[in-house]
Amino acid sequence: MFEFDQYLGFLAFLTILTIGFWLFFVLLLFVIPYWVFGALKERIEEFIQDRKK
């Protein structure tokens, strides 16, 4: 039915797919919100400093 090479290819495909899924998951949940809120915080601080001058 399946030869060993096909099995290794399937395992490599599943491994790459799983790594990609978790990378996408981490990017969506942690990296992008951290970047957005950091940029907003920096812009608000600059706005407050400009108003004080």
Foldseek 3Di string as FASTA:
>chain_A
DDDPVVVVVVVVVVVVVVVVVVVVVCCVPPVVVVVVVVVVVVVVVVVVVVVVD
